[in-house]
Amino acid sequence: MTDLARVAAQWHGELPVAVVHGEVDASNVAEIGVALRGLVTNRSSVLVVDLSPTTYLDSAGINLMFSLGDELRGRQLKLRLVIAPGSSISRMLSITGLDKAYPTYPTLDDALSA
């Protein structure tokens, strides 16, 4: 049995935070993308995506993070990723170079204070 992802939205002032729980794969990546993009408003300057509770991220999920980051960059906005150090997600981001393309932080507090 899989634990498909869900996005929990949080707001820290005008800063949107998307906490992604569970597994992100080809079966739910479109839904996750809609949820993440829906948090960005005209007043946003940054979107924080917390992947620390994410248990699985396949190539569709990696592609989503790259495309989301590119979309935000095109709108003069920033993407910050929260990644649990030493996790399988951290290793995947390192292998794909996503951790070099967009800033990553070990905790949500670190991402919020950056």
PDB file of N, CA and C in Angstrom:
ATOM      1  N   MET A   1       0.841  -1.177   0.000  1.00  0.00           N
ATOM      2  CA  MET A   1       0.000   0.000   0.000  1.00  0.00           C
ATOM      3  C   MET A   1       0.891   1.247   0.000  1.00  0.00           C
ATOM      4  N   THR A   2       0.560   2.196  -0.841  1.00  0.00           N
ATOM      5  CA  THR A   2       1.353   3.415  -0.928  1.00  0.00           C
ATOM      6  C   THR A   2       0.693   4.535  -0.150  1.00  0.00           C
ATOM      7  N   ASP A   3       1.509   5.473   0.238  1.00  0.00           N
ATOM      8  CA  ASP A   3       1.039   6.656   0.950  1.00  0.00           C
ATOM      9  C   ASP A   3       1.196   7.832  -0.002  1.00  0.00           C
ATOM     10  N   LEU A   4       0.217   7.994  -0.903  1.00  0.00           N
ATOM     11  CA  LEU A   4       0.319   9.054  -1.889  1.00  0.00           C
ATOM     12  C   LEU A   4       0.386  10.408  -1.214  1.00  0.00           C
ATOM     13  N   ALA A   5       1.028  11.322  -1.888  1.00  0.00           N
ATOM     14  CA  ALA A   5       1.332  12.633  -1.312  1.00  0.00           C
ATOM     15  C   ALA A   5       0.089  13.477  -1.095  1.00  0.00           C
ATOM     16  N   ARG A   6       0.230  14.334  -0.115  1.00  0.00           N
ATOM     17  CA  ARG A   6      -0.744  15.402   0.108  1.00  0.00           C
ATOM     18  C   ARG A   6       0.055  16.640   0.459  1.00  0.00           C
ATOM     19  N   VAL A   7      -0.504  17.784   0.112  1.00  0.00           N
ATOM     20  CA  VAL A   7       0.160  19.056   0.361  1.00  0.00           C
ATOM     21  C   VAL A   7      -0.588  19.780   1.464  1.00  0.00           C
ATOM     22  N   ALA A   8       0.135  20.139   2.505  1.00  0.00           N
ATOM     23  CA  ALA A   8      -0.428  20.946   3.592  1.00  0.00           C
ATOM     24  C   ALA A   8       0.109  22.365   3.424  1.00  0.00           C
ATOM     25  N   ALA A   9      -0.799  23.306   3.259  1.00  0.00           N
ATOM     26  CA  ALA A   9      -0.407  24.705   3.063  1.00  0.00           C
ATOM     27  C   ALA A   9      -0.276  25.404   4.407  1.00  0.00           C
ATOM     28  N   GLN A  10       0.780  26.176   4.529  1.00  0.00           N
ATOM     29  CA  GLN A  10       1.003  27.010   5.713  1.00  0.00           C
ATOM     30  C   GLN A  10       1.358  28.402   5.222  1.00  0.00           C
ATOM     31  N   TRP A  11       1.056  29.381   6.038  1.00  0.00           N
ATOM     32  CA  TRP A  11       1.433  30.753   5.714  1.00  0.00           C
ATOM     33  C   TRP A  11       2.229  31.318   6.867  1.00  0.00           C
ATOM     34  N   HIS A  12       3.343  31.908   6.545  1.00  0.00           N
ATOM     35  CA  HIS A  12       4.185  32.594   7.523  1.00  0.00           C
ATOM     36  C   HIS A  12       4.235  34.039   7.054  1.00  0.00           C
ATOM     37  N   GLY A  13       3.310  34.848   7.581  1.00  0.00           N
ATOM     38  CA  GLY A  13       3.114  36.185   7.038  1.00  0.00           C
ATOM     39  C   GLY A  13       2.559  36.025   5.633  1.00  0.00           C
ATOM     40  N   GLU A  14       3.215  36.631   4.666  1.00  0.00           N
ATOM     41  CA  GLU A  14       2.795  36.481   3.269  1.00  0.00           C
ATOM     42  C   GLU A  14       3.609  35.420   2.538  1.00  0.00           C
ATOM     43  N   LEU A  15       4.396  34.666   3.290  1.00  0.00           N
ATOM     44  CA  LEU A  15       5.258  33.647   2.696  1.00  0.00           C
ATOM     45  C   LEU A  15       4.544  32.293   2.688  1.00  0.00           C
ATOM     46  N   PRO A  16       4.242  31.766   1.490  1.00  0.00           N
ATOM     47  CA  PRO A  16       3.579  30.466   1.423  1.00  0.00           C
ATOM     48  C   PRO A  16       4.572  29.315   1.601  1.00  0.00           C
ATOM     49  N   VAL A  17       4.126  28.316   2.350  1.00  0.00           N
ATOM     50  CA  VAL A  17       4.920  27.107   2.569  1.00  0.00           C
ATOM     51  C   VAL A  17       4.040  25.915   2.210  1.00  0.00           C
ATOM     52  N   ALA A  18       4.561  25.045   1.378  1.00  0.00           N
ATOM     53  CA  ALA A  18       3.876  23.811   1.019  1.00  0.00           C
ATOM     54  C   ALA A  18       4.644  22.655   1.638  1.00  0.00           C
ATOM     55  N   VAL A  19       4.002  21.943   2.553  1.00  0.00           N
ATOM     56  CA  VAL A  19       4.620  20.779   3.181  1.00  0.00           C
ATOM     57  C   VAL A  19       4.066  19.547   2.462  1.00  0.00           C
ATOM     58  N   VAL A  20       4.957  18.810   1.813  1.00  0.00           N
ATOM     59  CA  VAL A  20       4.541  17.667   0.998  1.00  0.00           C
ATOM     60  C   VAL A  20       4.782  16.384   1.789  1.00  0.00           C
ATOM     61  N   HIS A  21       3.690  15.709   2.127  1.00  0.00           N
ATOM     62  CA  HIS A  21       3.739  14.461   2.895  1.00  0.00           C
ATOM     63  C   HIS A  21       3.523  13.280   1.949  1.00  0.00           C
ATOM     64  N   GLY A  22       4.245  12.189   2.169  1.00  0.00           N
ATOM     65  CA  GLY A  22       3.991  10.960   1.424  1.00  0.00           C
ATOM     66  C   GLY A  22       4.816  10.824   0.166  1.00  0.00           C
ATOM     67  N   GLU A  23       4.241  10.125  -0.827  1.00  0.00           N
ATOM     68  CA  GLU A  23       4.950   9.755  -2.046  1.00  0.00           C
ATOM     69  C   GLU A  23       4.473  10.572  -3.240  1.00  0.00           C
ATOM     70  N   VAL A  24       5.426  11.175  -3.939  1.00  0.00           N
ATOM     71  CA  VAL A  24       5.127  11.915  -5.166  1.00  0.00           C
ATOM     72  C   VAL A  24       5.625  11.082  -6.338  1.00  0.00           C
ATOM     73  N   ASP A  25       4.703  10.716  -7.226  1.00  0.00           N
ATOM     74  CA  ASP A  25       5.085   9.944  -8.407  1.00  0.00           C
ATOM     75  C   ASP A  25       4.206  10.353  -9.581  1.00  0.00           C
ATOM     76  N   ALA A  26       4.354   9.654 -10.682  1.00  0.00           N
ATOM     77  CA  ALA A  26       3.636  10.008 -11.906  1.00  0.00           C
ATOM     78  C   ALA A  26       2.120   9.987 -11.719  1.00  0.00           C
ATOM     79  N   SER A  27       1.629   9.198 -10.781  1.00  0.00           N
ATOM     80  CA  SER A  27       0.182   9.094 -10.595  1.00  0.00           C
ATOM     81  C   SER A  27      -0.429  10.323  -9.934  1.00  0.00           C
ATOM     82  N   ASN A  28       0.377  11.122  -9.233  1.00  0.00           N
ATOM     83  CA  ASN A  28      -0.196  12.268  -8.519  1.00  0.00           C
ATOM     84  C   ASN A  28       0.560  13.571  -8.734  1.00  0.00           C
ATOM     85  N   VAL A  29       1.575  13.563  -9.596  1.00  0.00           N
ATOM     86  CA  VAL A  29       2.414  14.747  -9.752  1.00  0.00           C
ATOM     87  C   VAL A  29       1.629  15.941 -10.295  1.00  0.00           C
ATOM     88  N   ALA A  30       0.665  15.717 -11.173  1.00  0.00           N
ATOM     89  CA  ALA A  30      -0.118  16.837 -11.709  1.00  0.00           C
ATOM     90  C   ALA A  30      -0.922  17.505 -10.596  1.00  0.00           C
ATOM     91  N   GLU A  31      -1.535  16.701  -9.753  1.00  0.00           N
ATOM     92  CA  GLU A  31      -2.312  17.229  -8.627  1.00  0.00           C
ATOM     93  C   GLU A  31      -1.415  17.994  -7.648  1.00  0.00           C
ATOM     94  N   ILE A  32      -0.245  17.461  -7.374  1.00  0.00           N
ATOM     95  CA  ILE A  32       0.705  18.137  -6.483  1.00  0.00           C
ATOM     96  C   ILE A  32       1.141  19.462  -7.105  1.00  0.00           C
ATOM     97  N   GLY A  33       1.403  19.462  -8.405  1.00  0.00           N
ATOM     98  CA  GLY A  33       1.792  20.686  -9.098  1.00  0.00           C
ATOM     99  C   GLY A  33       0.733  21.769  -9.005  1.00  0.00           C
ATOM    100  N   VAL A  34      -0.518  21.392  -9.174  1.00  0.00           N
ATOM    101  CA  VAL A  34      -1.621  22.356  -9.053  1.00  0.00           C
ATOM    102  C   VAL A  34      -1.656  22.935  -7.643  1.00  0.00           C
ATOM    103  N   ALA A  35      -1.498  22.083  -6.649  1.00  0.00           N
ATOM    104  CA  ALA A  35      -1.525  22.549  -5.255  1.00  0.00           C
ATOM    105  C   ALA A  35      -0.372  23.510  -4.972  1.00  0.00           C
ATOM    106  N   LEU A  36       0.824  23.186  -5.450  1.00  0.00           N
ATOM    107  CA  LEU A  36       1.982  24.051  -5.210  1.00  0.00           C
ATOM    108  C   LEU A  36       1.818  25.393  -5.911  1.00  0.00           C
ATOM    109  N   ARG A  37       1.428  25.359  -7.176  1.00  0.00           N
ATOM    110  CA  ARG A  37       1.260  26.603  -7.935  1.00  0.00           C
ATOM    111  C   ARG A  37       0.137  27.459  -7.360  1.00  0.00           C
ATOM    112  N   GLY A  38      -0.861  26.820  -6.790  1.00  0.00           N
ATOM    113  CA  GLY A  38      -1.990  27.546  -6.214  1.00  0.00           C
ATOM    114  C   GLY A  38      -1.636  28.363  -4.985  1.00  0.00           C
ATOM    115  N   LEU A  39      -0.500  28.092  -4.382  1.00  0.00           N
ATOM    116  CA  LEU A  39      -0.085  28.849  -3.198  1.00  0.00           C
ATOM    117  C   LEU A  39       0.587  30.173  -3.539  1.00  0.00           C
ATOM    118  N   VAL A  40       1.011  30.319  -4.776  1.00  0.00           N
ATOM    119  CA  VAL A  40       1.727  31.529  -5.180  1.00  0.00           C
ATOM    120  C   VAL A  40       0.708  32.611  -5.531  1.00  0.00           C
ATOM    121  N   THR A  41       0.838  33.754  -4.872  1.00  0.00           N
ATOM    122  CA  THR A  41      -0.054  34.883  -5.123  1.00  0.00           C
ATOM    123  C   THR A  41       0.744  36.040  -5.718  1.00  0.00           C
ATOM    124  N   ASN A  42       0.041  37.104  -6.051  1.00  0.00           N
ATOM    125  CA  ASN A  42       0.711  38.304  -6.565  1.00  0.00           C
ATOM    126  C   ASN A  42       1.617  38.939  -5.519  1.00  0.00           C
ATOM    127  N   ARG A  43       1.387  38.631  -4.253  1.00  0.00           N
ATOM    128  CA  ARG A  43       2.189  39.214  -3.180  1.00  0.00           C
ATOM    129  C   ARG A  43       3.369  38.330  -2.786  1.00  0.00           C
ATOM    130  N   SER A  44       3.443  37.152  -3.375  1.00  0.00           N
ATOM    131  CA  SER A  44       4.517  36.215  -3.035  1.00  0.00           C
ATOM    132  C   SER A  44       5.829  36.643  -3.680  1.00  0.00           C
ATOM    133  N   SER A  45       6.907  36.438  -2.950  1.00  0.00           N
ATOM    134  CA  SER A  45       8.242  36.617  -3.532  1.00  0.00           C
ATOM    135  C   SER A  45       9.003  35.291  -3.522  1.00  0.00           C
ATOM    136  N   VAL A  46       8.523  34.373  -2.695  1.00  0.00           N
ATOM    137  CA  VAL A  46       9.186  33.084  -2.491  1.00  0.00           C
ATOM    138  C   VAL A  46       8.113  32.022  -2.277  1.00  0.00           C
ATOM    139  N   LEU A  47       8.385  30.814  -2.734  1.00  0.00           N
ATOM    140  CA  LEU A  47       7.595  29.646  -2.361  1.00  0.00           C
ATOM    141  C   LEU A  47       8.547  28.670  -1.699  1.00  0.00           C
ATOM    142  N   VAL A  48       8.218  28.275  -0.475  1.00  0.00           N
ATOM    143  CA  VAL A  48       8.998  27.266   0.236  1.00  0.00           C
ATOM    144  C   VAL A  48       8.272  25.933   0.084  1.00  0.00           C
ATOM    145  N   VAL A  49       8.978  24.935  -0.418  1.00  0.00           N
ATOM    146  CA  VAL A  49       8.430  23.584  -0.523  1.00  0.00           C
ATOM    147  C   VAL A  49       9.212  22.707   0.443  1.00  0.00           C
ATOM    148  N   ASP A  50       8.511  22.233   1.466  1.00  0.00           N
ATOM    149  CA  ASP A  50       9.129  21.395   2.495  1.00  0.00           C
ATOM    150  C   ASP A  50       8.962  19.931   2.101  1.00  0.00           C
ATOM    151  N   LEU A  51      10.051  19.331   1.661  1.00  0.00           N
ATOM    152  CA  LEU A  51      10.049  17.924   1.262  1.00  0.00           C
ATOM    153  C   LEU A  51      10.563  17.009   2.372  1.00  0.00           C
ATOM    154  N   SER A  52      10.764  17.556   3.566  1.00  0.00           N
ATOM    155  CA  SER A  52      11.300  16.709   4.638  1.00  0.00           C
ATOM    156  C   SER A  52      10.368  15.557   5.017  1.00  0.00           C
ATOM    157  N   PRO A  53       9.022  15.719   4.956  1.00  0.00           N
ATOM    158  CA  PRO A  53       8.177  14.555   5.235  1.00  0.00           C
ATOM    159  C   PRO A  53       7.832  13.725   3.990  1.00  0.00           C
ATOM    160  N   THR A  54       8.428  14.053   2.855  1.00  0.00           N
ATOM    161  CA  THR A  54       8.183  13.302   1.622  1.00  0.00           C
ATOM    162  C   THR A  54       8.970  11.995   1.691  1.00  0.00           C
ATOM    163  N   THR A  55       8.293  10.887   1.431  1.00  0.00           N
ATOM    164  CA  THR A  55       8.935   9.580   1.557  1.00  0.00           C
ATOM    165  C   THR A  55       9.440   9.028   0.231  1.00  0.00           C
ATOM    166  N   TYR A  56       8.930   9.557  -0.881  1.00  0.00           N
ATOM    167  CA  TYR A  56       9.346   9.065  -2.197  1.00  0.00           C
ATOM    168  C   TYR A  56       9.134  10.169  -3.212  1.00  0.00           C
ATOM    169  N   LEU A  57      10.093  10.325  -4.107  1.00  0.00           N
ATOM    170  CA  LEU A  57      10.018  11.333  -5.162  1.00  0.00           C
ATOM    171  C   LEU A  57      10.630  10.708  -6.408  1.00  0.00           C
ATOM    172  N   ASP A  58       9.783  10.399  -7.407  1.00  0.00           N
ATOM    173  CA  ASP A  58      10.325   9.780  -8.617  1.00  0.00           C
ATOM    174  C   ASP A  58      10.708  10.857  -9.626  1.00  0.00           C
ATOM    175  N   SER A  59      11.059  10.445 -10.829  1.00  0.00           N
ATOM    176  CA  SER A  59      11.521  11.402 -11.836  1.00  0.00           C
ATOM    177  C   SER A  59      10.448  12.426 -12.186  1.00  0.00           C
ATOM    178  N   ALA A  60       9.182  12.043 -12.124  1.00  0.00           N
ATOM    179  CA  ALA A  60       8.107  13.008 -12.384  1.00  0.00           C
ATOM    180  C   ALA A  60       8.105  14.096 -11.313  1.00  0.00           C
ATOM    181  N   GLY A  61       8.353  13.722 -10.076  1.00  0.00           N
ATOM    182  CA  GLY A  61       8.429  14.699  -8.990  1.00  0.00           C
ATOM    183  C   GLY A  61       9.635  15.606  -9.116  1.00  0.00           C
ATOM    184  N   ILE A  62      10.769  15.039  -9.519  1.00  0.00           N
ATOM    185  CA  ILE A  62      11.975  15.844  -9.748  1.00  0.00           C
ATOM    186  C   ILE A  62      11.716  16.841 -10.873  1.00  0.00           C
ATOM    187  N   ASN A  63      11.117  16.369 -11.965  1.00  0.00           N
ATOM    188  CA  ASN A  63      10.797  17.262 -13.081  1.00  0.00           C
ATOM    189  C   ASN A  63       9.841  18.366 -12.654  1.00  0.00           C
ATOM    190  N   LEU A  64       8.897  18.041 -11.785  1.00  0.00           N
ATOM    191  CA  LEU A  64       7.983  19.058 -11.266  1.00  0.00           C
ATOM    192  C   LEU A  64       8.753  20.147 -10.534  1.00  0.00           C
ATOM    193  N   MET A  65       9.702  19.767  -9.691  1.00  0.00           N
ATOM    194  CA  MET A  65      10.468  20.767  -8.937  1.00  0.00           C
ATOM    195  C   MET A  65      11.285  21.654  -9.878  1.00  0.00           C
ATOM    196  N   PHE A  66      11.905  21.046 -10.904  1.00  0.00           N
ATOM    197  CA  PHE A  66      12.654  21.842 -11.882  1.00  0.00           C
ATOM    198  C   PHE A  66      11.727  22.808 -12.629  1.00  0.00           C
ATOM    199  N   SER A  67      10.587  22.311 -13.109  1.00  0.00           N
ATOM    200  CA  SER A  67       9.691  23.180 -13.880  1.00  0.00           C
ATOM    201  C   SER A  67       9.065  24.255 -13.005  1.00  0.00           C
ATOM    202  N   LEU A  68       8.707  23.903 -11.775  1.00  0.00           N
ATOM    203  CA  LEU A  68       8.161  24.898 -10.853  1.00  0.00           C
ATOM    204  C   LEU A  68       9.196  25.981 -10.571  1.00  0.00           C
ATOM    205  N   GLY A  69      10.415  25.575 -10.311  1.00  0.00           N
ATOM    206  CA  GLY A  69      11.476  26.544 -10.067  1.00  0.00           C
ATOM    207  C   GLY A  69      11.706  27.460 -11.257  1.00  0.00           C
ATOM    208  N   ASP A  70      11.686  26.891 -12.461  1.00  0.00           N
ATOM    209  CA  ASP A  70      11.858  27.698 -13.670  1.00  0.00           C
ATOM    210  C   ASP A  70      10.699  28.675 -13.854  1.00  0.00           C
ATOM    211  N   GLU A  71       9.471  28.206 -13.607  1.00  0.00           N
ATOM    212  CA  GLU A  71       8.303  29.088 -13.709  1.00  0.00           C
ATOM    213  C   GLU A  71       8.411  30.247 -12.725  1.00  0.00           C
ATOM    214  N   LEU A  72       8.775  29.935 -11.495  1.00  0.00           N
ATOM    215  CA  LEU A  72       8.900  30.986 -10.478  1.00  0.00           C
ATOM    216  C   LEU A  72      10.006  31.967 -10.856  1.00  0.00           C
ATOM    217  N   ARG A  73      11.124  31.454 -11.290  1.00  0.00           N
ATOM    218  CA  ARG A  73      12.243  32.310 -11.696  1.00  0.00           C
ATOM    219  C   ARG A  73      11.810  33.251 -12.826  1.00  0.00           C
ATOM    220  N   GLY A  74      11.024  32.746 -13.760  1.00  0.00           N
ATOM    221  CA  GLY A  74      10.516  33.560 -14.859  1.00  0.00           C
ATOM    222  C   GLY A  74       9.601  34.680 -14.396  1.00  0.00           C
ATOM    223  N   ARG A  75       9.023  34.521 -13.218  1.00  0.00           N
ATOM    224  CA  ARG A  75       8.150  35.550 -12.628  1.00  0.00           C
ATOM    225  C   ARG A  75       8.888  36.369 -11.570  1.00  0.00           C
ATOM    226  N   GLN A  76      10.210  36.242 -11.541  1.00  0.00           N
ATOM    227  CA  GLN A  76      11.051  36.952 -10.574  1.00  0.00           C
ATOM    228  C   GLN A  76      10.769  36.512  -9.132  1.00  0.00           C
ATOM    229  N   LEU A  77      10.373  35.254  -8.965  1.00  0.00           N
ATOM    230  CA  LEU A  77      10.112  34.675  -7.653  1.00  0.00           C
ATOM    231  C   LEU A  77      11.161  33.602  -7.378  1.00  0.00           C
ATOM    232  N   LYS A  78      11.245  33.199  -6.124  1.00  0.00           N
ATOM    233  CA  LYS A  78      12.255  32.217  -5.723  1.00  0.00           C
ATOM    234  C   LYS A  78      11.603  30.952  -5.181  1.00  0.00           C
ATOM    235  N   LEU A  79      12.275  29.839  -5.404  1.00  0.00           N
ATOM    236  CA  LEU A  79      11.889  28.549  -4.846  1.00  0.00           C
ATOM    237  C   LEU A  79      12.931  28.165  -3.814  1.00  0.00           C
ATOM    238  N   ARG A  80      12.471  27.832  -2.621  1.00  0.00           N
ATOM    239  CA  ARG A  80      13.350  27.308  -1.572  1.00  0.00           C
ATOM    240  C   ARG A  80      12.850  25.918  -1.213  1.00  0.00           C
ATOM    241  N   LEU A  81      13.770  24.982  -1.110  1.00  0.00           N
ATOM    242  CA  LEU A  81      13.421  23.600  -0.798  1.00  0.00           C
ATOM    243  C   LEU A  81      13.958  23.216   0.569  1.00  0.00           C
ATOM    244  N   VAL A  82      13.123  22.566   1.361  1.00  0.00           N
ATOM    245  CA  VAL A  82      13.545  22.022   2.651  1.00  0.00           C
ATOM    246  C   VAL A  82      13.719  20.523   2.464  1.00  0.00           C
ATOM    247  N   ILE A  83      14.929  20.057   2.732  1.00  0.00           N
ATOM    248  CA  ILE A  83      15.281  18.657   2.515  1.00  0.00           C
ATOM    249  C   ILE A  83      15.937  18.117   3.776  1.00  0.00           C
ATOM    250  N   ALA A  84      15.436  17.004   4.276  1.00  0.00           N
ATOM    251  CA  ALA A  84      16.045  16.374   5.450  1.00  0.00           C
ATOM    252  C   ALA A  84      17.428  15.851   5.077  1.00  0.00           C
ATOM    253  N   PRO A  85      18.473  16.292   5.776  1.00  0.00           N
ATOM    254  CA  PRO A  85      19.834  15.833   5.468  1.00  0.00           C
ATOM    255  C   PRO A  85      19.945  14.308   5.590  1.00  0.00           C
ATOM    256  N   GLY A  86      20.633  13.698   4.629  1.00  0.00           N
ATOM    257  CA  GLY A  86      20.852  12.260   4.669  1.00  0.00           C
ATOM    258  C   GLY A  86      19.680  11.410   4.218  1.00  0.00           C
ATOM    259  N   SER A  87      18.578  12.037   3.851  1.00  0.00           N
ATOM    260  CA  SER A  87      17.398  11.280   3.431  1.00  0.00           C
ATOM    261  C   SER A  87      17.551  10.787   1.996  1.00  0.00           C
ATOM    262  N   SER A  88      16.689   9.863   1.602  1.00  0.00           N
ATOM    263  CA  SER A  88      16.708   9.389   0.217  1.00  0.00           C
ATOM    264  C   SER A  88      16.354  10.523  -0.739  1.00  0.00           C
ATOM    265  N   ILE A  89      15.504  11.440  -0.303  1.00  0.00           N
ATOM    266  CA  ILE A  89      15.146  12.600  -1.132  1.00  0.00           C
ATOM    267  C   ILE A  89      16.381  13.477  -1.327  1.00  0.00           C
ATOM    268  N   SER A  90      17.151  13.673  -0.280  1.00  0.00           N
ATOM    269  CA  SER A  90      18.378  14.464  -0.366  1.00  0.00           C
ATOM    270  C   SER A  90      19.349  13.848  -1.371  1.00  0.00           C
ATOM    271  N   ARG A  91      19.492  12.544  -1.320  1.00  0.00           N
ATOM    272  CA  ARG A  91      20.386  11.864  -2.264  1.00  0.00           C
ATOM    273  C   ARG A  91      19.885  12.008  -3.701  1.00  0.00           C
ATOM    274  N   MET A  92      18.581  11.890  -3.892  1.00  0.00           N
ATOM    275  CA  MET A  92      17.994  12.020  -5.229  1.00  0.00           C
ATOM    276  C   MET A  92      18.217  13.427  -5.784  1.00  0.00           C
ATOM    277  N   LEU A  93      18.034  14.441  -4.951  1.00  0.00           N
ATOM    278  CA  LEU A  93      18.240  15.812  -5.402  1.00  0.00           C
ATOM    279  C   LEU A  93      19.699  16.071  -5.738  1.00  0.00           C
ATOM    280  N   SER A  94      20.594  15.451  -4.997  1.00  0.00           N
ATOM    281  CA  SER A  94      22.022  15.593  -5.273  1.00  0.00           C
ATOM    282  C   SER A  94      22.393  14.937  -6.602  1.00  0.00           C
ATOM    283  N   ILE A  95      21.861  13.760  -6.851  1.00  0.00           N
ATOM    284  CA  ILE A  95      22.145  13.034  -8.094  1.00  0.00           C
ATOM    285  C   ILE A  95      21.641  13.804  -9.307  1.00  0.00           C
ATOM    286  N   THR A  96      20.464  14.411  -9.189  1.00  0.00           N
ATOM    287  CA  THR A  96      19.849  15.106 -10.324  1.00  0.00           C
ATOM    288  C   THR A  96      20.317  16.547 -10.471  1.00  0.00           C
ATOM    289  N   GLY A  97      21.001  17.081  -9.461  1.00  0.00           N
ATOM    290  CA  GLY A  97      21.465  18.462  -9.518  1.00  0.00           C
ATOM    291  C   GLY A  97      20.441  19.486  -9.079  1.00  0.00           C
ATOM    292  N   LEU A  98      19.284  19.034  -8.629  1.00  0.00           N
ATOM    293  CA  LEU A  98      18.251  19.973  -8.180  1.00  0.00           C
ATOM    294  C   LEU A  98      18.733  20.798  -6.995  1.00  0.00           C
ATOM    295  N   ASP A  99      19.560  20.184  -6.147  1.00  0.00           N
ATOM    296  CA  ASP A  99      20.080  20.905  -4.983  1.00  0.00           C
ATOM    297  C   ASP A  99      21.069  22.000  -5.375  1.00  0.00           C
ATOM    298  N   LYS A 100      21.573  21.953  -6.596  1.00  0.00           N
ATOM    299  CA  LYS A 100      22.466  23.013  -7.094  1.00  0.00           C
ATOM    300  C   LYS A 100      21.672  24.097  -7.827  1.00  0.00           C
ATOM    301  N   ALA A 101      20.542  23.709  -8.409  1.00  0.00           N
ATOM    302  CA  ALA A 101      19.730  24.647  -9.184  1.00  0.00           C
ATOM    303  C   ALA A 101      18.922  25.584  -8.292  1.00  0.00           C
ATOM    304  N   TYR A 102      18.517  25.093  -7.130  1.00  0.00           N
ATOM    305  CA  TYR A 102      17.673  25.873  -6.214  1.00  0.00           C
ATOM    306  C   TYR A 102      18.191  25.697  -4.798  1.00  0.00           C
ATOM    307  N   PRO A 103      18.095  26.750  -3.996  1.00  0.00           N
ATOM    308  CA  PRO A 103      18.621  26.644  -2.633  1.00  0.00           C
ATOM    309  C   PRO A 103      17.859  25.613  -1.805  1.00  0.00           C
ATOM    310  N   THR A 104      18.619  24.839  -1.035  1.00  0.00           N
ATOM    311  CA  THR A 104      18.025  23.854  -0.134  1.00  0.00           C
ATOM    312  C   THR A 104      18.430  24.180   1.296  1.00  0.00           C
ATOM    313  N   TYR A 105      17.558  23.805   2.213  1.00  0.00           N
ATOM    314  CA  TYR A 105      17.757  24.100   3.630  1.00  0.00           C
ATOM    315  C   TYR A 105      17.423  22.854   4.436  1.00  0.00           C
ATOM    316  N   PRO A 106      18.134  22.629   5.549  1.00  0.00           N
ATOM    317  CA  PRO A 106      17.887  21.423   6.344  1.00  0.00           C
ATOM    318  C   PRO A 106      16.617  21.493   7.186  1.00  0.00           C
ATOM    319  N   THR A 107      16.143  22.710   7.480  1.00  0.00           N
ATOM    320  CA  THR A 107      14.932  22.859   8.292  1.00  0.00           C
ATOM    321  C   THR A 107      14.051  23.955   7.711  1.00  0.00           C
ATOM    322  N   LEU A 108      12.786  23.908   8.060  1.00  0.00           N
ATOM    323  CA  LEU A 108      11.855  24.946   7.635  1.00  0.00           C
ATOM    324  C   LEU A 108      12.262  26.295   8.207  1.00  0.00           C
ATOM    325  N   ASP A 109      12.678  26.324   9.458  1.00  0.00           N
ATOM    326  CA  ASP A 109      13.122  27.587  10.062  1.00  0.00           C
ATOM    327  C   ASP A 109      14.270  28.207   9.277  1.00  0.00           C
ATOM    328  N   ASP A 110      15.210  27.376   8.834  1.00  0.00           N
ATOM    329  CA  ASP A 110      16.328  27.888   8.031  1.00  0.00           C
ATOM    330  C   ASP A 110      15.832  28.488   6.719  1.00  0.00           C
ATOM    331  N   ALA A 111      14.887  27.822   6.072  1.00  0.00           N
ATOM    332  CA  ALA A 111      14.350  28.323   4.802  1.00  0.00           C
ATOM    333  C   ALA A 111      13.586  29.626   5.000  1.00  0.00           C
ATOM    334  N   LEU A 112      12.871  29.723   6.107  1.00  0.00           N
ATOM    335  CA  LEU A 112      12.088  30.935   6.370  1.00  0.00           C
ATOM    336  C   LEU A 112      12.968  32.124   6.707  1.00  0.00           C
ATOM    337  N   SER A 113      14.093  31.874   7.332  1.00  0.00           N
ATOM    338  CA  SER A 113      14.957  32.981   7.755  1.00  0.00           C
ATOM    339  C   SER A 113      16.000  33.361   6.698  1.00  0.00           C
ATOM    340  N   ALA A 114      16.043  32.637   5.590  1.00  0.00           N
ATOM    341  CA  ALA A 114      17.041  32.918   4.535  1.00  0.00           C
ATOM    342  C   ALA A 114      16.742  34.225   3.819  1.00  0.00           C
TER     343      ALA A 114
END
